[in-house]
Amino acid sequence: MGKIESVKAWLISAEDNVSVAEDMFRLNHLNWSLFMWGLAIEKTLKAYLLFNDIEVPYTHDLHKLYLLTNLKVSEDLVNDLKEITTFNINARYEETKYDLYKKATKEYTDIYVSKSKSIYIWIKDNLKV
């Protein structure tokens, strides 16, 4: 598989995650919606790295992935990436999954779904495939 095909595969997978995130939100599985948004952003960042010939590390840390890009963002967005990363880590480990469940109130989830959508679209807009 060539580079462009690999980038497109990451983006298709991210789009699938967005679809699932939206379904989970509609079904009121708010913690799973947040988890899926984190995956979508992660995969989009990895597509960006791959497209720009930057080695894609094995990490779920959105802030670490962002630091490898040449994208410039505000400190607020950096903090949002750090917070969104916790959705992934917390959802993967049973002992901390309940913490995300408690954190994922409707109000909190509304805020972070909106932020996640904006970040996801912004990265895609900066990725000229």
Protein backbone atom coordinates (compact mmCIF):
# COMPACT_ATOMS: atom_id res chain seq x y z
CA MET A 1 0.00 0.00 0.00
CA GLY A 2 1.38 3.38 -1.00
CA LYS A 3 1.56 6.45 1.20
CA ILE A 4 -1.62 8.07 -0.14
CA GLU A 5 -3.57 4.83 0.21
CA SER A 6 -2.32 4.48 3.80
CA VAL A 7 -3.31 8.06 4.60
CA LYS A 8 -6.76 7.47 3.13
CA ALA A 9 -7.10 4.25 5.17
CA TRP A 10 -6.39 6.20 8.39
CA LEU A 11 -8.95 8.83 7.37
CA ILE A 12 -11.63 6.29 6.47
CA SER A 13 -11.13 4.61 9.84
CA ALA A 14 -11.37 8.02 11.55
CA GLU A 15 -14.63 8.74 9.69
CA ASP A 16 -15.99 5.41 10.94
CA ASN A 17 -15.05 6.45 14.49
CA VAL A 18 -16.89 9.75 14.04
CA SER A 19 -19.99 7.89 12.91
CA VAL A 20 -19.83 5.60 15.95
CA ALA A 21 -19.16 8.58 18.25
CA GLU A 22 -22.30 10.29 16.95
CA ASP A 23 -24.33 7.09 17.36
CA MET A 24 -23.09 6.64 20.92
CA PHE A 25 -24.00 10.25 21.72
CA ARG A 26 -27.54 9.76 20.36
CA LEU A 27 -27.87 6.59 22.45
CA ASN A 28 -26.69 8.52 25.54
CA HIS A 29 -23.51 6.42 25.89
CA LEU A 30 -21.61 9.62 26.52
CA ASN A 31 -18.35 8.09 27.75
CA TRP A 32 -18.15 5.90 24.63
CA SER A 33 -18.88 8.89 22.42
CA LEU A 34 -15.93 10.72 23.97
CA PHE A 35 -13.72 7.64 23.55
CA MET A 36 -14.58 7.36 19.86
CA TRP A 37 -13.94 11.07 19.27
CA GLY A 38 -10.49 10.61 20.78
CA LEU A 39 -9.81 7.74 18.37
CA ALA A 40 -11.00 9.81 15.40
CA ILE A 41 -8.65 12.66 16.29
CA GLU A 42 -5.77 10.25 16.92
CA LYS A 43 -6.20 8.60 13.52
CA THR A 44 -6.50 11.95 11.75
CA LEU A 45 -3.29 13.17 13.41
CA LYS A 46 -1.56 9.94 12.38
CA ALA A 47 -2.77 10.42 8.80
CA TYR A 48 -1.34 13.94 8.90
CA LEU A 49 2.02 12.65 10.15
CA LEU A 50 2.15 9.90 7.55
CA PHE A 51 1.26 12.31 4.75
CA ASN A 52 4.07 14.63 5.86
CA ASP A 53 6.62 11.78 6.00
CA ILE A 54 6.88 11.88 9.78
CA GLU A 55 7.24 8.54 11.53
CA VAL A 56 3.97 7.59 13.21
CA PRO A 57 4.66 6.54 16.81
CA TYR A 58 2.77 3.89 18.73
CA THR A 59 0.91 6.18 21.10
CA HIS A 60 -2.61 7.29 21.89
CA ASP A 61 -1.38 10.60 23.35
CA LEU A 62 -2.87 13.33 21.17
CA HIS A 63 -0.57 16.00 22.58
CA LYS A 64 2.52 13.93 21.73
CA LEU A 65 1.19 13.35 18.22
CA TYR A 66 0.42 17.06 17.79
CA LEU A 67 3.96 17.99 18.87
CA LEU A 68 5.32 16.01 15.91
CA THR A 69 3.30 18.09 13.43
CA ASN A 70 4.05 21.55 12.09
CA LEU A 71 0.55 22.69 13.07
CA LYS A 72 0.29 25.77 15.26
CA VAL A 73 -2.47 25.96 17.85
CA SER A 74 -3.42 27.91 20.94
CA GLU A 75 -2.55 26.80 24.44
CA ASP A 76 -6.26 26.18 25.00
CA LEU A 77 -6.32 23.69 22.13
CA VAL A 78 -3.19 21.98 23.50
CA ASN A 79 -5.00 21.59 26.82
CA ASP A 80 -8.06 20.22 25.01
CA LEU A 81 -5.88 17.60 23.29
CA LYS A 82 -4.50 16.58 26.68
CA GLU A 83 -8.01 16.28 28.11
CA ILE A 84 -9.33 14.36 25.09
CA THR A 85 -6.40 11.93 25.46
CA THR A 86 -7.77 10.96 28.87
CA PHE A 87 -10.96 9.67 27.21
CA ASN A 88 -8.91 7.04 25.40
CA ILE A 89 -6.74 6.01 28.32
CA ASN A 90 -9.63 5.91 30.78
CA ALA A 91 -11.85 3.92 28.44
CA ARG A 92 -9.22 1.22 27.94
CA TYR A 93 -8.60 0.31 31.57
CA GLU A 94 -11.38 -1.17 33.65
CA GLU A 95 -10.10 0.27 36.91
CA THR A 96 -10.43 3.83 35.60
CA LYS A 97 -13.32 3.43 33.16
CA TYR A 98 -15.82 4.42 35.83
CA ASP A 99 -14.02 7.74 36.31
CA LEU A 100 -14.70 8.65 32.68
CA TYR A 101 -18.29 7.49 33.04
CA LYS A 102 -18.77 9.88 35.99
CA LYS A 103 -16.98 12.73 34.22
CA ALA A 104 -19.05 12.34 31.04
CA THR A 105 -22.06 14.35 32.12
CA LYS A 106 -24.30 15.72 29.38
CA GLU A 107 -22.89 19.22 29.82
CA TYR A 108 -19.25 18.07 29.82
CA THR A 109 -19.84 15.78 26.84
CA ASP A 110 -21.59 18.52 24.86
CA ILE A 111 -18.55 20.74 25.35
CA TYR A 112 -16.01 18.09 24.39
CA VAL A 113 -17.98 16.71 21.46
CA SER A 114 -18.09 20.23 20.06
CA LYS A 115 -14.36 20.73 20.67
CA SER A 116 -13.55 17.30 19.25
CA LYS A 117 -15.54 17.95 16.07
CA SER A 118 -13.75 21.27 15.59
CA ILE A 119 -10.32 19.72 16.12
CA TYR A 120 -11.09 16.79 13.83
CA ILE A 121 -12.30 19.08 11.02
CA TRP A 122 -9.39 21.48 11.52
CA ILE A 123 -6.80 18.69 11.18
CA LYS A 124 -8.56 17.32 8.09
CA ASP A 125 -8.66 20.82 6.58
CA ASN A 126 -4.90 21.09 7.09
CA LEU A 127 -4.33 17.72 5.44
CA LYS A 128 -4.33 18.21 1.68
CA VAL A 129 -4.56 14.65 0.35
